[in-house]
Amino acid sequence: MELHSLQEALKVEIQCHQKLVAQMKQDPQNGDLKKQIHERQSRIAALNEKQFPHNSLWTCQAYAYSCLNTTPALF
């Protein structure tokens, strides 16, 4: 997949993830939303790995924690 296509796919996945996180804040016990968020995170990680093969784990973790407004123990 070319870089532009990867970036567009990543953008769509991130936007969907952000919408799900916003919904989750309204309904934190919704198991279906949790599942969808984890699926999006996996897709974001896979796309990010293709784009930046050497530092994708840190980038995805930083993004995920910023969406949830929390600070990971590693940072």
PDB file of N, CA and C in Angstrom:
ATOM      1  N   MET A   1       0.853  -1.165   0.000  1.00  0.00           N
ATOM      2  CA  MET A   1       0.000   0.000   0.000  1.00  0.00           C
ATOM      3  C   MET A   1       0.908   1.241   0.000  1.00  0.00           C
ATOM      4  N   GLU A   2       0.605   2.190  -0.860  1.00  0.00           N
ATOM      5  CA  GLU A   2       1.430   3.392  -0.926  1.00  0.00           C
ATOM      6  C   GLU A   2       1.209   4.283   0.300  1.00  0.00           C
ATOM      7  N   LEU A   3       2.136   5.175   0.541  1.00  0.00           N
ATOM      8  CA  LEU A   3       2.107   6.005   1.742  1.00  0.00           C
ATOM      9  C   LEU A   3       0.825   6.837   1.836  1.00  0.00           C
ATOM     10  N   HIS A   4       0.410   7.451   0.745  1.00  0.00           N
ATOM     11  CA  HIS A   4      -0.803   8.281   0.773  1.00  0.00           C
ATOM     12  C   HIS A   4      -2.030   7.445   1.149  1.00  0.00           C
ATOM     13  N   SER A   5      -2.144   6.267   0.580  1.00  0.00           N
ATOM     14  CA  SER A   5      -3.278   5.377   0.901  1.00  0.00           C
ATOM     15  C   SER A   5      -3.247   4.952   2.360  1.00  0.00           C
ATOM     16  N   LEU A   6      -2.056   4.650   2.859  1.00  0.00           N
ATOM     17  CA  LEU A   6      -1.901   4.282   4.269  1.00  0.00           C
ATOM     18  C   LEU A   6      -2.349   5.426   5.176  1.00  0.00           C
ATOM     19  N   GLN A   7      -1.920   6.628   4.836  1.00  0.00           N
ATOM     20  CA  GLN A   7      -2.272   7.784   5.655  1.00  0.00           C
ATOM     21  C   GLN A   7      -3.772   8.051   5.632  1.00  0.00           C
ATOM     22  N   GLU A   8      -4.396   7.889   4.488  1.00  0.00           N
ATOM     23  CA  GLU A   8      -5.847   8.092   4.390  1.00  0.00           C
ATOM     24  C   GLU A   8      -6.595   7.032   5.204  1.00  0.00           C
ATOM     25  N   ALA A   9      -6.162   5.786   5.092  1.00  0.00           N
ATOM     26  CA  ALA A   9      -6.802   4.708   5.848  1.00  0.00           C
ATOM     27  C   ALA A   9      -6.616   4.937   7.352  1.00  0.00           C
ATOM     28  N   LEU A  10      -5.434   5.355   7.740  1.00  0.00           N
ATOM     29  CA  LEU A  10      -5.146   5.632   9.145  1.00  0.00           C
ATOM     30  C   LEU A  10      -6.012   6.786   9.652  1.00  0.00           C
ATOM     31  N   LYS A  11      -6.164   7.806   8.846  1.00  0.00           N
ATOM     32  CA  LYS A  11      -7.000   8.953   9.209  1.00  0.00           C
ATOM     33  C   LYS A  11      -8.440   8.519   9.467  1.00  0.00           C
ATOM     34  N   VAL A  12      -8.978   7.683   8.589  1.00  0.00           N
ATOM     35  CA  VAL A  12     -10.353   7.200   8.754  1.00  0.00           C
ATOM     36  C   VAL A  12     -10.489   6.372  10.026  1.00  0.00           C
ATOM     37  N   GLU A  13      -9.543   5.480  10.264  1.00  0.00           N
ATOM     38  CA  GLU A  13      -9.586   4.644  11.462  1.00  0.00           C
ATOM     39  C   GLU A  13      -9.506   5.493  12.732  1.00  0.00           C
ATOM     40  N   ILE A  14      -8.643   6.503  12.727  1.00  0.00           N
ATOM     41  CA  ILE A  14      -8.498   7.369  13.899  1.00  0.00           C
ATOM     42  C   ILE A  14      -9.773   8.161  14.141  1.00  0.00           C
ATOM     43  N   GLN A  15     -10.375   8.673  13.082  1.00  0.00           N
ATOM     44  CA  GLN A  15     -11.625   9.424  13.235  1.00  0.00           C
ATOM     45  C   GLN A  15     -12.734   8.536  13.812  1.00  0.00           C
ATOM     46  N   CYS A  16     -12.831   7.314  13.307  1.00  0.00           N
ATOM     47  CA  CYS A  16     -13.825   6.375  13.842  1.00  0.00           C
ATOM     48  C   CYS A  16     -13.538   6.056  15.302  1.00  0.00           C
ATOM     49  N   HIS A  17     -12.267   5.867  15.627  1.00  0.00           N
ATOM     50  CA  HIS A  17     -11.866   5.582  17.008  1.00  0.00           C
ATOM     51  C   HIS A  17     -12.253   6.739  17.919  1.00  0.00           C
ATOM     52  N   GLN A  18     -12.001   7.961  17.467  1.00  0.00           N
ATOM     53  CA  GLN A  18     -12.341   9.131  18.270  1.00  0.00           C
ATOM     54  C   GLN A  18     -13.845   9.219  18.536  1.00  0.00           C
ATOM     55  N   LYS A  19     -14.637   8.893  17.541  1.00  0.00           N
ATOM     56  CA  LYS A  19     -16.098   8.903  17.713  1.00  0.00           C
ATOM     57  C   LYS A  19     -16.519   7.847  18.737  1.00  0.00           C
ATOM     58  N   LEU A  20     -15.910   6.675  18.652  1.00  0.00           N
ATOM     59  CA  LEU A  20     -16.234   5.615  19.595  1.00  0.00           C
ATOM     60  C   LEU A  20     -15.843   5.996  21.023  1.00  0.00           C
ATOM     61  N   VAL A  21     -14.684   6.634  21.165  1.00  0.00           N
ATOM     62  CA  VAL A  21     -14.230   7.069  22.494  1.00  0.00           C
ATOM     63  C   VAL A  21     -15.206   8.092  23.064  1.00  0.00           C
ATOM     64  N   ALA A  22     -15.685   9.002  22.230  1.00  0.00           N
ATOM     65  CA  ALA A  22     -16.658  10.003  22.684  1.00  0.00           C
ATOM     66  C   ALA A  22     -17.950   9.315  23.137  1.00  0.00           C
ATOM     67  N   GLN A  23     -18.387   8.301  22.391  1.00  0.00           N
ATOM     68  CA  GLN A  23     -19.582   7.548  22.778  1.00  0.00           C
ATOM     69  C   GLN A  23     -19.341   6.798  24.086  1.00  0.00           C
ATOM     70  N   MET A  24     -18.141   6.277  24.238  1.00  0.00           N
ATOM     71  CA  MET A  24     -17.794   5.506  25.431  1.00  0.00           C
ATOM     72  C   MET A  24     -17.845   6.383  26.682  1.00  0.00           C
ATOM     73  N   LYS A  25     -17.491   7.649  26.537  1.00  0.00           N
ATOM     74  CA  LYS A  25     -17.546   8.564  27.680  1.00  0.00           C
ATOM     75  C   LYS A  25     -18.987   8.757  28.145  1.00  0.00           C
ATOM     76  N   GLN A  26     -19.938   8.636  27.228  1.00  0.00           N
ATOM     77  CA  GLN A  26     -21.350   8.761  27.571  1.00  0.00           C
ATOM     78  C   GLN A  26     -21.914   7.464  28.159  1.00  0.00           C
ATOM     79  N   ASP A  27     -21.322   6.345  27.748  1.00  0.00           N
ATOM     80  CA  ASP A  27     -21.823   5.037  28.174  1.00  0.00           C
ATOM     81  C   ASP A  27     -20.635   4.114  28.481  1.00  0.00           C
ATOM     82  N   PRO A  28     -19.925   4.358  29.594  1.00  0.00           N
ATOM     83  CA  PRO A  28     -18.683   3.645  29.885  1.00  0.00           C
ATOM     84  C   PRO A  28     -18.816   2.132  30.105  1.00  0.00           C
ATOM     85  N   GLN A  29     -20.003   1.652  30.348  1.00  0.00           N
ATOM     86  CA  GLN A  29     -20.178   0.213  30.593  1.00  0.00           C
ATOM     87  C   GLN A  29     -20.590  -0.556  29.345  1.00  0.00           C
ATOM     88  N   ASN A  30     -20.642   0.092  28.198  1.00  0.00           N
ATOM     89  CA  ASN A  30     -21.091  -0.535  26.966  1.00  0.00           C
ATOM     90  C   ASN A  30     -20.012  -1.471  26.413  1.00  0.00           C
ATOM     91  N   GLY A  31     -20.250  -2.748  26.543  1.00  0.00           N
ATOM     92  CA  GLY A  31     -19.293  -3.760  26.098  1.00  0.00           C
ATOM     93  C   GLY A  31     -19.077  -3.771  24.606  1.00  0.00           C
ATOM     94  N   ASP A  32     -20.125  -3.480  23.844  1.00  0.00           N
ATOM     95  CA  ASP A  32     -19.995  -3.448  22.389  1.00  0.00           C
ATOM     96  C   ASP A  32     -19.064  -2.315  21.958  1.00  0.00           C
ATOM     97  N   LEU A  33     -19.204  -1.163  22.594  1.00  0.00           N
ATOM     98  CA  LEU A  33     -18.312  -0.040  22.280  1.00  0.00           C
ATOM     99  C   LEU A  33     -16.866  -0.378  22.633  1.00  0.00           C
ATOM    100  N   LYS A  34     -16.661  -1.033  23.772  1.00  0.00           N
ATOM    101  CA  LYS A  34     -15.303  -1.435  24.166  1.00  0.00           C
ATOM    102  C   LYS A  34     -14.692  -2.352  23.107  1.00  0.00           C
ATOM    103  N   LYS A  35     -15.487  -3.291  22.629  1.00  0.00           N
ATOM    104  CA  LYS A  35     -15.011  -4.226  21.605  1.00  0.00           C
ATOM    105  C   LYS A  35     -14.657  -3.478  20.320  1.00  0.00           C
ATOM    106  N   GLN A  36     -15.518  -2.560  19.919  1.00  0.00           N
ATOM    107  CA  GLN A  36     -15.257  -1.791  18.702  1.00  0.00           C
ATOM    108  C   GLN A  36     -14.000  -0.927  18.838  1.00  0.00           C
ATOM    109  N   ILE A  37     -13.812  -0.355  20.015  1.00  0.00           N
ATOM    110  CA  ILE A  37     -12.618   0.460  20.250  1.00  0.00           C
ATOM    111  C   ILE A  37     -11.361  -0.395  20.133  1.00  0.00           C
ATOM    112  N   HIS A  38     -11.380  -1.582  20.718  1.00  0.00           N
ATOM    113  CA  HIS A  38     -10.214  -2.466  20.642  1.00  0.00           C
ATOM    114  C   HIS A  38      -9.947  -2.905  19.209  1.00  0.00           C
ATOM    115  N   GLU A  39     -10.999  -3.148  18.439  1.00  0.00           N
ATOM    116  CA  GLU A  39     -10.828  -3.523  17.034  1.00  0.00           C
ATOM    117  C   GLU A  39     -10.196  -2.369  16.246  1.00  0.00           C
ATOM    118  N   ARG A  40     -10.676  -1.151  16.499  1.00  0.00           N
ATOM    119  CA  ARG A  40     -10.105   0.023  15.816  1.00  0.00           C
ATOM    120  C   ARG A  40      -8.646   0.204  16.217  1.00  0.00           C
ATOM    121  N   GLN A  41      -8.337   0.011  17.490  1.00  0.00           N
ATOM    122  CA  GLN A  41      -6.950   0.153  17.951  1.00  0.00           C
ATOM    123  C   GLN A  41      -6.042  -0.851  17.240  1.00  0.00           C
ATOM    124  N   SER A  42      -6.543  -2.059  17.032  1.00  0.00           N
ATOM    125  CA  SER A  42      -5.752  -3.067  16.326  1.00  0.00           C
ATOM    126  C   SER A  42      -5.503  -2.659  14.882  1.00  0.00           C
ATOM    127  N   ARG A  43      -6.545  -2.128  14.236  1.00  0.00           N
ATOM    128  CA  ARG A  43      -6.385  -1.679  12.850  1.00  0.00           C
ATOM    129  C   ARG A  43      -5.440  -0.482  12.764  1.00  0.00           C
ATOM    130  N   ILE A  44      -5.552   0.434  13.712  1.00  0.00           N
ATOM    131  CA  ILE A  44      -4.653   1.594  13.735  1.00  0.00           C
ATOM    132  C   ILE A  44      -3.216   1.122  13.912  1.00  0.00           C
ATOM    133  N   ALA A  45      -3.006   0.190  14.819  1.00  0.00           N
ATOM    134  CA  ALA A  45      -1.657  -0.332  15.058  1.00  0.00           C
ATOM    135  C   ALA A  45      -1.098  -1.003  13.808  1.00  0.00           C
ATOM    136  N   ALA A  46      -1.921  -1.771  13.114  1.00  0.00           N
ATOM    137  CA  ALA A  46      -1.466  -2.470  11.904  1.00  0.00           C
ATOM    138  C   ALA A  46      -1.101  -1.478  10.808  1.00  0.00           C
ATOM    139  N   LEU A  47      -1.938  -0.478  10.616  1.00  0.00           N
ATOM    140  CA  LEU A  47      -1.640   0.546   9.603  1.00  0.00           C
ATOM    141  C   LEU A  47      -0.408   1.355   9.986  1.00  0.00           C
ATOM    142  N   ASN A  48      -0.306   1.674  11.250  1.00  0.00           N
ATOM    143  CA  ASN A  48       0.841   2.442  11.727  1.00  0.00           C
ATOM    144  C   ASN A  48       2.129   1.650  11.571  1.00  0.00           C
ATOM    145  N   GLU A  49       2.054   0.367  11.796  1.00  0.00           N
ATOM    146  CA  GLU A  49       3.236  -0.493  11.639  1.00  0.00           C
ATOM    147  C   GLU A  49       3.712  -0.472  10.185  1.00  0.00           C
ATOM    148  N   LYS A  50       2.785  -0.454   9.258  1.00  0.00           N
ATOM    149  CA  LYS A  50       3.160  -0.387   7.840  1.00  0.00           C
ATOM    150  C   LYS A  50       3.794   0.960   7.506  1.00  0.00           C
ATOM    151  N   GLN A  51       3.329   2.001   8.161  1.00  0.00           N
ATOM    152  CA  GLN A  51       3.817   3.340   7.880  1.00  0.00           C
ATOM    153  C   GLN A  51       5.150   3.623   8.580  1.00  0.00           C
ATOM    154  N   PHE A  52       5.262   3.220   9.850  1.00  0.00           N
ATOM    155  CA  PHE A  52       6.457   3.454  10.654  1.00  0.00           C
ATOM    156  C   PHE A  52       6.862   2.144  11.326  1.00  0.00           C
ATOM    157  N   PRO A  53       7.541   1.269  10.628  1.00  0.00           N
ATOM    158  CA  PRO A  53       7.816  -0.076  11.173  1.00  0.00           C
ATOM    159  C   PRO A  53       8.630  -0.121  12.464  1.00  0.00           C
ATOM    160  N   HIS A  54       9.365   0.933  12.813  1.00  0.00           N
ATOM    161  CA  HIS A  54      10.249   0.831  13.967  1.00  0.00           C
ATOM    162  C   HIS A  54       9.738   1.488  15.239  1.00  0.00           C
ATOM    163  N   ASN A  55       8.714   2.331  15.156  1.00  0.00           N
ATOM    164  CA  ASN A  55       8.253   2.979  16.376  1.00  0.00           C
ATOM    165  C   ASN A  55       6.742   3.036  16.471  1.00  0.00           C
ATOM    166  N   SER A  56       6.065   2.058  15.907  1.00  0.00           N
ATOM    167  CA  SER A  56       4.602   2.094  15.888  1.00  0.00           C
ATOM    168  C   SER A  56       3.983   1.812  17.250  1.00  0.00           C
ATOM    169  N   LEU A  57       4.557   0.961  18.057  1.00  0.00           N
ATOM    170  CA  LEU A  57       3.955   0.631  19.347  1.00  0.00           C
ATOM    171  C   LEU A  57       3.844   1.870  20.218  1.00  0.00           C
ATOM    172  N   TRP A  58       4.917   2.612  20.332  1.00  0.00           N
ATOM    173  CA  TRP A  58       4.888   3.814  21.163  1.00  0.00           C
ATOM    174  C   TRP A  58       3.880   4.819  20.619  1.00  0.00           C
ATOM    175  N   THR A  59       3.853   5.019  19.294  1.00  0.00           N
ATOM    176  CA  THR A  59       2.945   5.988  18.681  1.00  0.00           C
ATOM    177  C   THR A  59       1.499   5.622  18.953  1.00  0.00           C
ATOM    178  N   CYS A  60       1.129   4.374  18.781  1.00  0.00           N
ATOM    179  CA  CYS A  60      -0.248   3.942  19.015  1.00  0.00           C
ATOM    180  C   CYS A  60      -0.621   4.043  20.483  1.00  0.00           C
ATOM    181  N   GLN A  61       0.285   3.695  21.368  1.00  0.00           N
ATOM    182  CA  GLN A  61      -0.001   3.806  22.793  1.00  0.00           C
ATOM    183  C   GLN A  61      -0.204   5.261  23.182  1.00  0.00           C
ATOM    184  N   ALA A  62       0.638   6.130  22.681  1.00  0.00           N
ATOM    185  CA  ALA A  62       0.517   7.553  23.003  1.00  0.00           C
ATOM    186  C   ALA A  62      -0.809   8.095  22.489  1.00  0.00           C
ATOM    187  N   TYR A  63      -1.193   7.687  21.286  1.00  0.00           N
ATOM    188  CA  TYR A  63      -2.461   8.144  20.725  1.00  0.00           C
ATOM    189  C   TYR A  63      -3.633   7.623  21.566  1.00  0.00           C
ATOM    190  N   ALA A  64      -3.613   6.359  21.879  1.00  0.00           N
ATOM    191  CA  ALA A  64      -4.716   5.761  22.630  1.00  0.00           C
ATOM    192  C   ALA A  64      -4.874   6.429  23.987  1.00  0.00           C
ATOM    193  N   TYR A  65      -3.772   6.663  24.680  1.00  0.00           N
ATOM    194  CA  TYR A  65      -3.853   7.299  25.989  1.00  0.00           C
ATOM    195  C   TYR A  65      -4.322   8.743  25.884  1.00  0.00           C
ATOM    196  N   SER A  66      -3.932   9.432  24.810  1.00  0.00           N
ATOM    197  CA  SER A  66      -4.390  10.814  24.654  1.00  0.00           C
ATOM    198  C   SER A  66      -5.888  10.857  24.400  1.00  0.00           C
ATOM    199  N   CYS A  67      -6.420   9.872  23.691  1.00  0.00           N
ATOM    200  CA  CYS A  67      -7.863   9.810  23.444  1.00  0.00           C
ATOM    201  C   CYS A  67      -8.637   9.572  24.731  1.00  0.00           C
ATOM    202  N   LEU A  68      -8.058   8.805  25.601  1.00  0.00           N
ATOM    203  CA  LEU A  68      -8.745   8.459  26.849  1.00  0.00           C
ATOM    204  C   LEU A  68      -8.434   9.468  27.965  1.00  0.00           C
ATOM    205  N   ASN A  69      -7.596  10.451  27.629  1.00  0.00           N
ATOM    206  CA  ASN A  69      -7.215  11.482  28.602  1.00  0.00           C
ATOM    207  C   ASN A  69      -6.602  10.868  29.869  1.00  0.00           C
ATOM    208  N   THR A  70      -5.761   9.883  29.670  1.00  0.00           N
ATOM    209  CA  THR A  70      -5.071   9.261  30.798  1.00  0.00           C
ATOM    210  C   THR A  70      -3.574   9.287  30.522  1.00  0.00           C
ATOM    211  N   THR A  71      -2.803   8.991  31.516  1.00  0.00           N
ATOM    212  CA  THR A  71      -1.354   8.945  31.355  1.00  0.00           C
ATOM    213  C   THR A  71      -0.902   7.524  31.636  1.00  0.00           C
ATOM    214  N   PRO A  72      -0.211   6.899  30.673  1.00  0.00           N
ATOM    215  CA  PRO A  72       0.258   5.544  30.910  1.00  0.00           C
ATOM    216  C   PRO A  72       1.408   5.524  31.917  1.00  0.00           C
ATOM    217  N   ALA A  73       1.589   4.406  32.542  1.00  0.00           N
ATOM    218  CA  ALA A  73       2.637   4.258  33.540  1.00  0.00           C
ATOM    219  C   ALA A  73       4.030   4.365  32.916  1.00  0.00           C
ATOM    220  N   LEU A  74       4.153   4.068  31.623  1.00  0.00           N
ATOM    221  CA  LEU A  74       5.456   4.073  30.973  1.00  0.00           C
ATOM    222  C   LEU A  74       5.953   5.475  30.650  1.00  0.00           C
ATOM    223  N   PHE A  75       5.088   6.461  30.635  1.00  0.00           N
ATOM    224  CA  PHE A  75       5.485   7.798  30.202  1.00  0.00           C
ATOM    225  C   PHE A  75       5.868   8.637  31.397  1.00  0.00           C
TER     226      PHE A  75
END
